[in-house]
Amino acid sequence: MITQLARKFFSHSLTLSIAIAALLSGCSKPEAVDPPEATPAQYELKDVRYFFQTGDRVDTTTLQLKGQRVQNPGTILATQQVEEGFGGLVKTSRFIFDPTTQFPQELDLSQFEVSVPEHWYGNALFDRSLDTYSFSTIEQQKPYGFDPKGILTVKIPPKSKIDISRQISAYQLTCSFEGILENTTTGQRLSLRGKWKGLLQYANPTTIFRESAL
């Protein structure tokens, strides 16, 4: 009789323990799960084109290049060879965005590289550069890539000096541009527009000789 009572007591205690454990387990807080990180939007710049509209223009300035001087202190005609080149010339590029154009604030447009106008033909037509430049409002400079070297043979009269000055025409362009900024994730497209300003090309190099007595 005592053994049966003990067994019943043990059975009821075990059942109660299991019930309490299940209750506690059901009341425990679920583990926190971090939300998935949002994938940053990816953009592509495409269909950039340049054109003339009202107010656009080409300005021509004369750039003085490094000069040289040769002299002949002797009493007979002298001949001297002088090397001439165009090192140091640079091409510039700067974009000015239309202030009414809205684009994502987190987007850095300067990360995109584009070709820019080059070699003007006297109208609204021009070639595009082989080099690319940042799509940036900050002016960039790169070597112009035109540096042919030549040799000048200069004849110097007795007791004379000759100053050699050189210059070249620089064509500065202001034109309009349009482009498309595409969100490659959603397919959304945004029009970009504004002005491009920069060095279009150099042309018409000139060499001038000025003779004077020593």
N, C-alpha and C. Protein backbone atom coordinates (compact mmCIF):
# COMPACT_ATOMS: atom_id res chain seq x y z
N MET A 1 0.83 -1.21 0.00
CA MET A 1 0.00 0.00 0.00
C MET A 1 0.86 1.24 0.00
N ILE A 2 1.88 1.20 0.81
CA ILE A 2 2.79 2.35 0.86
C ILE A 2 3.52 2.51 -0.46
N THR A 3 3.88 1.35 -1.04
CA THR A 3 4.61 1.40 -2.32
C THR A 3 3.74 1.98 -3.42
N GLN A 4 2.47 1.64 -3.47
CA GLN A 4 1.56 2.17 -4.49
C GLN A 4 1.36 3.68 -4.32
N LEU A 5 1.25 4.11 -3.05
CA LEU A 5 1.11 5.56 -2.81
C LEU A 5 2.36 6.32 -3.25
N ALA A 6 3.52 5.72 -2.99
CA ALA A 6 4.78 6.37 -3.38
C ALA A 6 4.87 6.49 -4.90
N ARG A 7 4.42 5.41 -5.57
CA ARG A 7 4.48 5.44 -7.03
C ARG A 7 3.54 6.53 -7.59
N LYS A 8 2.33 6.61 -7.00
CA LYS A 8 1.39 7.63 -7.46
C LYS A 8 1.93 9.03 -7.21
N PHE A 9 2.56 9.21 -6.04
CA PHE A 9 3.12 10.53 -5.72
C PHE A 9 4.23 10.90 -6.69
N PHE A 10 5.09 9.91 -7.00
CA PHE A 10 6.21 10.16 -7.92
C PHE A 10 5.70 10.49 -9.32
N SER A 11 4.63 9.77 -9.74
CA SER A 11 4.06 10.00 -11.07
C SER A 11 3.45 11.39 -11.17
N HIS A 12 2.71 11.80 -10.12
CA HIS A 12 2.12 13.15 -10.13
C HIS A 12 3.20 14.22 -10.10
N SER A 13 4.27 14.00 -9.36
CA SER A 13 5.38 14.99 -9.27
C SER A 13 6.07 15.14 -10.60
N LEU A 14 6.28 13.99 -11.29
CA LEU A 14 6.94 14.05 -12.61
C LEU A 14 6.09 14.80 -13.62
N THR A 15 4.79 14.51 -13.58
CA THR A 15 3.87 15.20 -14.52
C THR A 15 3.86 16.70 -14.26
N LEU A 16 3.84 17.08 -12.98
CA LEU A 16 3.84 18.50 -12.61
C LEU A 16 5.12 19.17 -13.06
N SER A 17 6.26 18.49 -12.92
CA SER A 17 7.56 19.06 -13.31
C SER A 17 7.61 19.29 -14.81
N ILE A 18 7.07 18.31 -15.57
CA ILE A 18 7.07 18.47 -17.03
C ILE A 18 6.18 19.63 -17.44
N ALA A 19 5.05 19.79 -16.79
CA ALA A 19 4.12 20.88 -17.12
C ALA A 19 4.75 22.24 -16.83
N ILE A 20 5.44 22.32 -15.66
CA ILE A 20 6.09 23.58 -15.30
C ILE A 20 7.19 23.92 -16.30
N ALA A 21 7.97 22.89 -16.69
CA ALA A 21 9.06 23.13 -17.66
C ALA A 21 8.51 23.60 -19.00
N ALA A 22 7.39 22.99 -19.42
CA ALA A 22 6.79 23.39 -20.69
C ALA A 22 6.27 24.83 -20.63
N LEU A 23 5.69 25.18 -19.46
CA LEU A 23 5.18 26.54 -19.28
C LEU A 23 6.29 27.56 -19.33
N LEU A 24 7.39 27.25 -18.64
CA LEU A 24 8.54 28.17 -18.65
C LEU A 24 9.14 28.30 -20.04
N SER A 25 9.19 27.16 -20.74
CA SER A 25 9.74 27.20 -22.09
C SER A 25 8.87 28.05 -23.00
N GLY A 26 7.57 27.97 -22.83
CA GLY A 26 6.67 28.75 -23.68
C GLY A 26 6.73 30.22 -23.39
N CYS A 27 7.12 30.60 -22.17
CA CYS A 27 7.17 32.02 -21.81
C CYS A 27 8.51 32.67 -22.12
N SER A 28 9.52 31.87 -22.48
CA SER A 28 10.84 32.46 -22.74
C SER A 28 10.79 33.32 -23.99
N LYS A 29 11.61 34.38 -24.04
CA LYS A 29 11.64 35.33 -25.15
C LYS A 29 12.37 34.71 -26.34
N PRO A 30 11.85 34.88 -27.55
CA PRO A 30 12.58 34.37 -28.73
C PRO A 30 13.86 35.18 -28.94
N GLU A 31 14.85 34.54 -29.51
CA GLU A 31 16.11 35.22 -29.79
C GLU A 31 15.90 36.29 -30.85
N ALA A 32 16.57 37.45 -30.64
CA ALA A 32 16.45 38.56 -31.59
C ALA A 32 17.16 38.20 -32.90
N VAL A 33 16.54 38.53 -34.01
CA VAL A 33 17.10 38.27 -35.34
C VAL A 33 17.36 39.61 -36.02
N ASP A 34 18.61 39.84 -36.42
CA ASP A 34 18.95 41.09 -37.09
C ASP A 34 18.25 41.16 -38.43
N PRO A 35 17.67 42.33 -38.75
CA PRO A 35 17.03 42.47 -40.07
C PRO A 35 18.08 42.40 -41.17
N PRO A 36 17.74 41.91 -42.33
CA PRO A 36 18.71 41.84 -43.44
C PRO A 36 19.16 43.24 -43.85
N GLU A 37 20.44 43.35 -44.16
CA GLU A 37 20.98 44.65 -44.57
C GLU A 37 20.47 45.00 -45.97
N ALA A 38 20.12 46.28 -46.12
CA ALA A 38 19.63 46.75 -47.42
C ALA A 38 20.79 46.80 -48.41
N THR A 39 20.59 46.31 -49.61
CA THR A 39 21.62 46.33 -50.64
C THR A 39 21.73 47.75 -51.20
N PRO A 40 22.95 48.35 -51.18
CA PRO A 40 23.10 49.71 -51.72
C PRO A 40 22.71 49.75 -53.20
N ALA A 41 22.05 50.82 -53.58
CA ALA A 41 21.63 50.96 -54.98
C ALA A 41 22.86 51.12 -55.87
N GLN A 42 22.81 50.50 -57.03
CA GLN A 42 23.87 50.60 -58.01
C GLN A 42 23.39 51.46 -59.18
N TYR A 43 24.25 52.38 -59.63
CA TYR A 43 23.87 53.29 -60.70
C TYR A 43 24.85 53.17 -61.86
N GLU A 44 24.34 53.50 -63.03
CA GLU A 44 25.16 53.51 -64.24
C GLU A 44 24.90 54.80 -65.00
N LEU A 45 25.97 55.47 -65.41
CA LEU A 45 25.85 56.70 -66.20
C LEU A 45 25.97 56.32 -67.67
N LYS A 46 24.99 56.75 -68.47
CA LYS A 46 24.99 56.36 -69.88
C LYS A 46 24.43 57.47 -70.75
N ASP A 47 24.68 57.32 -72.03
CA ASP A 47 24.11 58.21 -73.06
C ASP A 47 24.48 59.68 -72.82
N VAL A 48 25.71 59.95 -72.41
CA VAL A 48 26.16 61.34 -72.25
C VAL A 48 26.46 61.93 -73.62
N ARG A 49 25.84 63.05 -73.91
CA ARG A 49 26.10 63.71 -75.19
C ARG A 49 26.32 65.20 -74.96
N TYR A 50 27.06 65.82 -75.88
CA TYR A 50 27.40 67.24 -75.80
C TYR A 50 26.82 67.95 -77.01
N PHE A 51 26.37 69.19 -76.81
CA PHE A 51 25.76 69.93 -77.91
C PHE A 51 25.83 71.43 -77.60
N PHE A 52 25.57 72.24 -78.64
CA PHE A 52 25.54 73.69 -78.50
C PHE A 52 24.11 74.17 -78.36
N GLN A 53 23.94 75.13 -77.45
CA GLN A 53 22.68 75.85 -77.38
C GLN A 53 22.99 77.30 -77.04
N THR A 54 21.97 78.12 -76.90
CA THR A 54 22.16 79.55 -76.67
C THR A 54 23.08 79.79 -75.48
N GLY A 55 24.11 80.63 -75.70
CA GLY A 55 25.05 80.96 -74.63
C GLY A 55 26.32 80.14 -74.66
N ASP A 56 26.31 79.01 -75.37
CA ASP A 56 27.52 78.20 -75.48
C ASP A 56 28.49 78.85 -76.47
N ARG A 57 29.79 78.63 -76.28
CA ARG A 57 30.75 79.33 -77.12
C ARG A 57 32.13 78.68 -77.04
N VAL A 58 32.98 79.11 -77.97
CA VAL A 58 34.39 78.74 -77.95
C VAL A 58 35.19 80.03 -77.84
N ASP A 59 36.03 80.13 -76.82
CA ASP A 59 36.90 81.29 -76.63
C ASP A 59 38.33 80.89 -76.97
N THR A 60 39.01 81.79 -77.70
CA THR A 60 40.39 81.53 -78.09
C THR A 60 41.32 82.48 -77.36
N THR A 61 42.33 81.92 -76.73
CA THR A 61 43.35 82.71 -76.06
C THR A 61 44.72 82.30 -76.58
N THR A 62 45.69 83.17 -76.41
CA THR A 62 47.05 82.88 -76.84
C THR A 62 47.89 82.52 -75.62
N LEU A 63 48.49 81.36 -75.66
CA LEU A 63 49.30 80.87 -74.55
C LEU A 63 50.77 81.00 -74.91
N GLN A 64 51.52 81.70 -74.06
CA GLN A 64 52.95 81.86 -74.27
C GLN A 64 53.69 80.62 -73.77
N LEU A 65 54.52 80.05 -74.62
CA LEU A 65 55.32 78.89 -74.26
C LEU A 65 56.71 79.33 -73.82
N LYS A 66 57.46 78.41 -73.28
CA LYS A 66 58.80 78.71 -72.80
C LYS A 66 59.69 79.15 -73.96
N GLY A 67 60.36 80.30 -73.79
CA GLY A 67 61.24 80.83 -74.82
C GLY A 67 62.70 80.47 -74.59
N GLN A 68 63.53 80.85 -75.55
CA GLN A 68 64.97 80.59 -75.46
C GLN A 68 65.74 81.78 -76.02
N ARG A 69 67.03 81.80 -75.70
CA ARG A 69 67.90 82.84 -76.24
C ARG A 69 69.21 82.19 -76.69
N VAL A 70 69.65 82.57 -77.87
CA VAL A 70 70.96 82.13 -78.37
C VAL A 70 71.77 83.37 -78.71
N GLN A 71 73.08 83.26 -78.62
CA GLN A 71 73.92 84.44 -78.89
C GLN A 71 75.23 84.03 -79.55
N ASN A 72 75.84 85.02 -80.22
CA ASN A 72 77.10 84.81 -80.92
C ASN A 72 78.03 85.97 -80.62
N PRO A 73 78.95 85.79 -79.67
CA PRO A 73 79.88 86.88 -79.34
C PRO A 73 81.04 86.99 -80.32
N GLY A 74 81.12 86.04 -81.29
CA GLY A 74 82.23 86.03 -82.24
C GLY A 74 82.08 87.07 -83.33
N THR A 75 83.00 86.97 -84.30
CA THR A 75 83.04 87.97 -85.38
C THR A 75 82.58 87.40 -86.71
N ILE A 76 82.18 86.12 -86.72
CA ILE A 76 81.67 85.51 -87.95
C ILE A 76 80.30 84.88 -87.66
N LEU A 77 79.58 84.63 -88.74
CA LEU A 77 78.24 84.06 -88.59
C LEU A 77 78.31 82.69 -87.89
N ALA A 78 77.42 82.48 -86.93
CA ALA A 78 77.38 81.20 -86.20
C ALA A 78 76.04 80.52 -86.43
N THR A 79 76.06 79.21 -86.32
CA THR A 79 74.84 78.42 -86.47
C THR A 79 74.64 77.59 -85.21
N GLN A 80 73.42 77.59 -84.69
CA GLN A 80 73.12 76.82 -83.48
C GLN A 80 71.79 76.10 -83.64
N GLN A 81 71.74 74.88 -83.15
CA GLN A 81 70.51 74.11 -83.21
C GLN A 81 69.77 74.19 -81.87
N VAL A 82 68.48 74.40 -81.95
CA VAL A 82 67.65 74.57 -80.75
C VAL A 82 66.50 73.58 -80.82
N GLU A 83 66.28 72.87 -79.72
CA GLU A 83 65.16 71.93 -79.67
C GLU A 83 63.90 72.65 -79.21
N GLU A 84 62.80 72.37 -79.88
CA GLU A 84 61.53 72.94 -79.45
C GLU A 84 60.50 71.82 -79.25
N GLY A 85 59.69 71.96 -78.22
CA GLY A 85 58.66 70.97 -77.91
C GLY A 85 57.45 71.64 -77.29
N PHE A 86 56.48 70.83 -76.92
CA PHE A 86 55.23 71.34 -76.37
C PHE A 86 54.87 70.66 -75.06
N GLY A 87 55.86 70.24 -74.32
CA GLY A 87 55.61 69.64 -73.02
C GLY A 87 55.01 70.65 -72.05
N GLY A 88 54.19 70.18 -71.17
CA GLY A 88 53.57 71.06 -70.17
C GLY A 88 52.16 71.50 -70.53
N LEU A 89 51.73 71.24 -71.77
CA LEU A 89 50.36 71.58 -72.13
C LEU A 89 49.39 70.61 -71.44
N VAL A 90 48.29 71.15 -70.95
CA VAL A 90 47.31 70.30 -70.25
C VAL A 90 45.92 70.49 -70.84
N LYS A 91 45.11 69.44 -70.70
CA LYS A 91 43.70 69.52 -71.05
C LYS A 91 42.91 69.57 -69.76
N THR A 92 41.88 70.40 -69.71
CA THR A 92 41.09 70.56 -68.50
C THR A 92 39.65 70.12 -68.74
N SER A 93 38.96 69.78 -67.65
CA SER A 93 37.56 69.35 -67.74
C SER A 93 36.84 69.69 -66.44
N ARG A 94 35.64 70.26 -66.58
CA ARG A 94 34.81 70.55 -65.40
C ARG A 94 33.34 70.54 -65.81
N PHE A 95 32.51 69.87 -65.00
CA PHE A 95 31.07 69.79 -65.25
C PHE A 95 30.33 70.71 -64.28
N ILE A 96 29.30 71.37 -64.79
CA ILE A 96 28.43 72.21 -63.98
C ILE A 96 27.01 71.67 -64.13
N PHE A 97 26.43 71.16 -63.03
CA PHE A 97 25.13 70.52 -63.10
C PHE A 97 24.00 71.54 -62.97
N ASP A 98 22.95 71.32 -63.73
CA ASP A 98 21.74 72.14 -63.63
C ASP A 98 21.20 72.03 -62.21
N PRO A 99 21.07 73.16 -61.50
CA PRO A 99 20.62 73.10 -60.10
C PRO A 99 19.21 72.56 -59.92
N THR A 100 18.41 72.53 -60.99
CA THR A 100 17.06 72.00 -60.88
C THR A 100 17.03 70.47 -60.99
N THR A 101 18.17 69.88 -61.37
CA THR A 101 18.22 68.42 -61.49
C THR A 101 18.43 67.81 -60.11
N GLN A 102 17.57 66.88 -59.73
CA GLN A 102 17.65 66.21 -58.44
C GLN A 102 18.18 64.79 -58.64
N PHE A 103 19.21 64.43 -57.87
CA PHE A 103 19.71 63.06 -57.90
C PHE A 103 20.00 62.61 -56.47
N PRO A 104 20.08 61.32 -56.22
CA PRO A 104 20.27 60.81 -54.86
C PRO A 104 21.46 61.46 -54.16
N GLN A 105 21.22 61.98 -52.95
CA GLN A 105 22.26 62.70 -52.23
C GLN A 105 23.45 61.81 -51.87
N GLU A 106 23.18 60.51 -51.67
CA GLU A 106 24.27 59.62 -51.28
C GLU A 106 25.14 59.24 -52.47
N LEU A 107 24.74 59.64 -53.67
CA LEU A 107 25.47 59.26 -54.87
C LEU A 107 26.59 60.25 -55.16
N ASP A 108 27.80 59.76 -55.35
CA ASP A 108 28.95 60.58 -55.72
C ASP A 108 29.15 60.48 -57.22
N LEU A 109 28.73 61.51 -57.95
CA LEU A 109 28.82 61.46 -59.41
C LEU A 109 30.26 61.44 -59.91
N SER A 110 31.20 61.91 -59.08
CA SER A 110 32.59 61.95 -59.53
C SER A 110 33.19 60.56 -59.67
N GLN A 111 32.47 59.52 -59.24
CA GLN A 111 32.97 58.16 -59.40
C GLN A 111 32.87 57.68 -60.84
N PHE A 112 32.08 58.38 -61.65
CA PHE A 112 31.91 57.98 -63.04
C PHE A 112 32.97 58.66 -63.92
N GLU A 113 33.45 57.94 -64.93
CA GLU A 113 34.42 58.45 -65.88
C GLU A 113 33.77 58.57 -67.26
N VAL A 114 33.97 59.70 -67.92
CA VAL A 114 33.37 59.93 -69.24
C VAL A 114 34.39 60.56 -70.18
N SER A 115 34.19 60.37 -71.46
CA SER A 115 34.99 61.10 -72.45
C SER A 115 34.40 62.50 -72.61
N VAL A 116 35.21 63.43 -73.08
CA VAL A 116 34.80 64.84 -73.17
C VAL A 116 35.12 65.37 -74.57
N PRO A 117 34.58 66.56 -74.93
CA PRO A 117 34.83 67.09 -76.27
C PRO A 117 36.31 67.35 -76.55
N GLU A 118 36.66 67.17 -77.83
CA GLU A 118 38.05 67.38 -78.25
C GLU A 118 38.05 67.58 -79.77
N HIS A 119 38.96 68.44 -80.23
CA HIS A 119 39.13 68.70 -81.66
C HIS A 119 37.87 69.27 -82.31
N TRP A 120 37.75 70.56 -82.22
CA TRP A 120 36.60 71.28 -82.77
C TRP A 120 36.80 71.52 -84.26
N TYR A 121 35.71 71.48 -85.03
CA TYR A 121 35.79 71.64 -86.49
C TYR A 121 35.14 72.94 -86.97
N GLY A 122 35.00 73.91 -86.08
CA GLY A 122 34.49 75.21 -86.49
C GLY A 122 32.98 75.30 -86.52
N ASN A 123 32.29 74.28 -86.03
CA ASN A 123 30.82 74.31 -85.95
C ASN A 123 30.43 73.58 -84.67
N ALA A 124 29.29 72.97 -84.66
CA ALA A 124 28.84 72.27 -83.45
C ALA A 124 29.35 70.83 -83.38
N LEU A 125 30.27 70.48 -84.26
CA LEU A 125 30.79 69.12 -84.30
C LEU A 125 32.19 69.06 -83.68
N PHE A 126 32.44 68.02 -82.91
CA PHE A 126 33.76 67.81 -82.35
C PHE A 126 33.93 66.33 -82.03
N ASP A 127 35.18 65.90 -81.94
CA ASP A 127 35.48 64.52 -81.55
C ASP A 127 35.36 64.38 -80.04
N ARG A 128 35.39 63.13 -79.58
CA ARG A 128 35.43 62.84 -78.15
C ARG A 128 36.83 62.37 -77.79
N SER A 129 37.26 62.72 -76.58
CA SER A 129 38.60 62.36 -76.14
C SER A 129 38.74 60.86 -75.93
N LEU A 130 39.94 60.35 -76.14
CA LEU A 130 40.23 58.96 -75.83
C LEU A 130 40.38 58.77 -74.32
N ASP A 131 41.00 59.75 -73.67
CA ASP A 131 41.09 59.71 -72.21
C ASP A 131 39.73 60.00 -71.60
N THR A 132 39.48 59.47 -70.42
CA THR A 132 38.24 59.77 -69.70
C THR A 132 38.53 60.66 -68.50
N TYR A 133 37.52 61.41 -68.11
CA TYR A 133 37.63 62.36 -67.01
C TYR A 133 36.49 62.12 -66.04
N SER A 134 36.74 62.45 -64.78
CA SER A 134 35.72 62.27 -63.75
C SER A 134 34.54 63.20 -64.01
N PHE A 135 33.34 62.68 -63.77
CA PHE A 135 32.11 63.46 -63.94
C PHE A 135 31.95 64.35 -62.72
N SER A 136 32.81 65.36 -62.64
CA SER A 136 32.98 66.12 -61.40
C SER A 136 32.89 67.62 -61.65
N THR A 137 32.46 68.34 -60.60
CA THR A 137 32.41 69.80 -60.66
C THR A 137 33.78 70.42 -60.36
N ILE A 138 34.74 69.61 -59.95
CA ILE A 138 36.09 70.09 -59.67
C ILE A 138 36.92 69.98 -60.94
N GLU A 139 37.61 71.06 -61.31
CA GLU A 139 38.39 71.03 -62.54
C GLU A 139 39.51 69.99 -62.46
N GLN A 140 39.63 69.20 -63.50
CA GLN A 140 40.70 68.23 -63.60
C GLN A 140 41.67 68.63 -64.70
N GLN A 141 42.90 68.20 -64.56
CA GLN A 141 43.92 68.47 -65.57
C GLN A 141 44.66 67.19 -65.88
N LYS A 142 44.89 66.97 -67.18
CA LYS A 142 45.70 65.84 -67.63
C LYS A 142 46.63 66.34 -68.72
N PRO A 143 47.79 65.69 -68.89
CA PRO A 143 48.67 66.10 -69.99
C PRO A 143 47.92 66.08 -71.32
N TYR A 144 48.17 67.08 -72.13
CA TYR A 144 47.43 67.19 -73.39
C TYR A 144 47.77 66.06 -74.35
N GLY A 145 48.95 65.51 -74.22
CA GLY A 145 49.33 64.38 -75.07
C GLY A 145 49.84 64.79 -76.43
N PHE A 146 50.20 66.06 -76.58
CA PHE A 146 50.74 66.56 -77.85
C PHE A 146 52.10 67.18 -77.56
N ASP A 147 53.17 66.47 -77.86
CA ASP A 147 54.50 66.98 -77.56
C ASP A 147 55.51 66.57 -78.63
N PRO A 148 55.24 66.96 -79.89
CA PRO A 148 56.23 66.65 -80.92
C PRO A 148 57.47 67.53 -80.71
N LYS A 149 58.62 66.94 -80.84
CA LYS A 149 59.86 67.69 -80.66
C LYS A 149 60.52 67.89 -82.02
N GLY A 150 60.97 69.13 -82.24
CA GLY A 150 61.65 69.45 -83.49
C GLY A 150 62.95 70.18 -83.21
N ILE A 151 63.77 70.28 -84.24
CA ILE A 151 65.05 70.96 -84.13
C ILE A 151 65.04 72.18 -85.04
N LEU A 152 65.29 73.33 -84.45
CA LEU A 152 65.43 74.57 -85.21
C LEU A 152 66.90 74.86 -85.45
N THR A 153 67.23 75.21 -86.66
CA THR A 153 68.59 75.65 -86.97
C THR A 153 68.57 77.17 -87.06
N VAL A 154 69.27 77.81 -86.14
CA VAL A 154 69.23 79.27 -86.03
C VAL A 154 70.59 79.84 -86.46
N LYS A 155 70.56 80.80 -87.38
CA LYS A 155 71.79 81.49 -87.82
C LYS A 155 71.90 82.81 -87.06
N ILE A 156 73.04 83.00 -86.40
CA ILE A 156 73.22 84.16 -85.53
C ILE A 156 74.33 85.05 -86.09
N PRO A 157 73.99 86.28 -86.46
CA PRO A 157 75.03 87.19 -86.96
C PRO A 157 76.08 87.47 -85.88
N PRO A 158 77.27 87.95 -86.28
CA PRO A 158 78.33 88.28 -85.30
C PRO A 158 77.86 89.33 -84.30
N LYS A 159 78.33 89.19 -83.07
CA LYS A 159 78.04 90.14 -82.00
C LYS A 159 76.53 90.37 -81.83
N SER A 160 75.77 89.28 -81.91
CA SER A 160 74.31 89.40 -81.84
C SER A 160 73.72 88.32 -80.93
N LYS A 161 72.50 88.55 -80.56
CA LYS A 161 71.72 87.55 -79.83
C LYS A 161 70.34 87.46 -80.46
N ILE A 162 69.73 86.32 -80.35
CA ILE A 162 68.39 86.12 -80.89
C ILE A 162 67.51 85.53 -79.79
N ASP A 163 66.42 86.25 -79.49
CA ASP A 163 65.42 85.75 -78.54
C ASP A 163 64.35 85.00 -79.32
N ILE A 164 64.10 83.78 -78.90
CA ILE A 164 63.13 82.93 -79.57
C ILE A 164 61.92 82.80 -78.66
N SER A 165 60.80 83.32 -79.10
CA SER A 165 59.55 83.21 -78.33
C SER A 165 58.57 82.33 -79.10
N ARG A 166 57.78 81.60 -78.35
CA ARG A 166 56.83 80.68 -78.97
C ARG A 166 55.46 80.83 -78.31
N GLN A 167 54.43 80.63 -79.09
CA GLN A 167 53.08 80.73 -78.57
C GLN A 167 52.17 79.76 -79.31
N ILE A 168 51.02 79.50 -78.72
CA ILE A 168 50.06 78.58 -79.31
C ILE A 168 48.65 79.02 -78.93
N SER A 169 47.68 78.76 -79.79
CA SER A 169 46.30 79.15 -79.52
C SER A 169 45.62 78.06 -78.69
N ALA A 170 44.93 78.48 -77.62
CA ALA A 170 44.18 77.56 -76.77
C ALA A 170 42.69 77.82 -76.97
N TYR A 171 41.94 76.79 -77.27
CA TYR A 171 40.50 76.90 -77.50
C TYR A 171 39.76 76.38 -76.27
N GLN A 172 39.06 77.28 -75.59
CA GLN A 172 38.29 76.93 -74.40
C GLN A 172 36.81 76.81 -74.78
N LEU A 173 36.21 75.68 -74.44
CA LEU A 173 34.83 75.42 -74.85
C LEU A 173 33.88 75.46 -73.67
N THR A 174 32.73 76.09 -73.87
CA THR A 174 31.58 75.98 -72.97
C THR A 174 30.44 75.42 -73.79
N CYS A 175 29.94 74.23 -73.43
CA CYS A 175 28.85 73.63 -74.17
C CYS A 175 27.88 72.96 -73.19
N SER A 176 26.77 72.50 -73.72
CA SER A 176 25.76 71.83 -72.89
C SER A 176 25.93 70.32 -72.97
N PHE A 177 25.43 69.64 -71.95
CA PHE A 177 25.47 68.18 -71.97
C PHE A 177 24.18 67.63 -71.38
N GLU A 178 23.88 66.41 -71.76
CA GLU A 178 22.78 65.64 -71.18
C GLU A 178 23.24 64.21 -70.99
N GLY A 179 22.69 63.55 -69.99
CA GLY A 179 23.02 62.16 -69.74
C GLY A 179 21.91 61.47 -68.97
N ILE A 180 22.02 60.17 -68.85
CA ILE A 180 21.04 59.36 -68.13
C ILE A 180 21.73 58.65 -66.98
N LEU A 181 21.16 58.77 -65.78
CA LEU A 181 21.63 58.03 -64.62
C LEU A 181 20.60 56.94 -64.33
N GLU A 182 21.03 55.68 -64.46
CA GLU A 182 20.09 54.57 -64.31
C GLU A 182 20.38 53.75 -63.06
N ASN A 183 19.33 53.51 -62.28
CA ASN A 183 19.42 52.61 -61.14
C ASN A 183 19.33 51.19 -61.70
N THR A 184 20.44 50.45 -61.68
CA THR A 184 20.47 49.13 -62.30
C THR A 184 19.67 48.10 -61.50
N THR A 185 19.30 48.43 -60.27
CA THR A 185 18.49 47.51 -59.46
C THR A 185 17.01 47.64 -59.78
N THR A 186 16.55 48.90 -59.85
CA THR A 186 15.12 49.13 -60.07
C THR A 186 14.78 49.50 -61.51
N GLY A 187 15.80 49.89 -62.30
CA GLY A 187 15.54 50.33 -63.67
C GLY A 187 15.12 51.78 -63.76
N GLN A 188 15.02 52.47 -62.63
CA GLN A 188 14.62 53.89 -62.64
C GLN A 188 15.68 54.72 -63.35
N ARG A 189 15.23 55.67 -64.15
CA ARG A 189 16.14 56.53 -64.91
C ARG A 189 15.95 57.99 -64.51
N LEU A 190 17.08 58.70 -64.44
CA LEU A 190 17.05 60.11 -64.08
C LEU A 190 17.87 60.89 -65.10
N SER A 191 17.30 61.96 -65.62
CA SER A 191 18.01 62.79 -66.60
C SER A 191 18.94 63.76 -65.90
N LEU A 192 20.15 63.87 -66.39
CA LEU A 192 21.13 64.83 -65.91
C LEU A 192 21.43 65.82 -67.02
N ARG A 193 21.62 67.08 -66.67
CA ARG A 193 21.95 68.08 -67.67
C ARG A 193 22.76 69.18 -67.02
N GLY A 194 23.40 69.98 -67.87
CA GLY A 194 24.21 71.08 -67.36
C GLY A 194 25.18 71.56 -68.42
N LYS A 195 26.34 72.07 -67.96
CA LYS A 195 27.36 72.62 -68.86
C LYS A 195 28.69 71.89 -68.65
N TRP A 196 29.43 71.79 -69.73
CA TRP A 196 30.81 71.32 -69.65
C TRP A 196 31.73 72.45 -70.04
N LYS A 197 32.78 72.68 -69.23
CA LYS A 197 33.77 73.70 -69.54
C LYS A 197 35.15 73.07 -69.49
N GLY A 198 35.95 73.39 -70.49
CA GLY A 198 37.29 72.84 -70.47
C GLY A 198 38.09 73.23 -71.69
N LEU A 199 39.34 72.78 -71.70
CA LEU A 199 40.23 73.01 -72.83
C LEU A 199 39.82 72.06 -73.95
N LEU A 200 39.43 72.62 -75.07
CA LEU A 200 39.03 71.81 -76.20
C LEU A 200 40.24 71.31 -76.98
N GLN A 201 41.11 72.23 -77.39
CA GLN A 201 42.29 71.85 -78.16
C GLN A 201 43.28 73.01 -78.23
N TYR A 202 44.50 72.67 -78.61
CA TYR A 202 45.52 73.66 -78.93
C TYR A 202 45.77 73.61 -80.44
N ALA A 203 46.13 74.76 -81.02
CA ALA A 203 46.38 74.80 -82.46
C ALA A 203 47.23 76.03 -82.79
N ASN A 204 47.72 76.06 -84.01
CA ASN A 204 48.45 77.22 -84.57
C ASN A 204 49.67 77.62 -83.76
N PRO A 205 50.62 76.73 -83.54
CA PRO A 205 51.86 77.13 -82.85
C PRO A 205 52.65 78.11 -83.72
N THR A 206 53.25 79.09 -83.08
CA THR A 206 54.01 80.12 -83.79
C THR A 206 55.35 80.34 -83.09
N THR A 207 56.41 80.51 -83.89
CA THR A 207 57.73 80.81 -83.36
C THR A 207 58.18 82.17 -83.90
N ILE A 208 58.64 83.04 -83.02
CA ILE A 208 59.04 84.40 -83.39
C ILE A 208 60.50 84.61 -82.99
N PHE A 209 61.31 85.16 -83.93
CA PHE A 209 62.73 85.44 -83.67
C PHE A 209 62.94 86.94 -83.59
N ARG A 210 63.64 87.38 -82.55
CA ARG A 210 63.96 88.81 -82.40
C ARG A 210 65.47 88.94 -82.21
N GLU A 211 66.07 89.61 -83.17
CA GLU A 211 67.54 89.77 -83.17
C GLU A 211 67.90 91.14 -82.59
N SER A 212 68.97 91.15 -81.79
CA SER A 212 69.48 92.41 -81.26
C SER A 212 70.99 92.26 -81.02
N ALA A 213 71.65 93.42 -80.87
CA ALA A 213 73.10 93.39 -80.69
C ALA A 213 73.45 93.02 -79.26
N LEU A 214 74.61 92.38 -79.11
CA LEU A 214 75.10 92.08 -77.76
C LEU A 214 75.61 93.36 -77.08
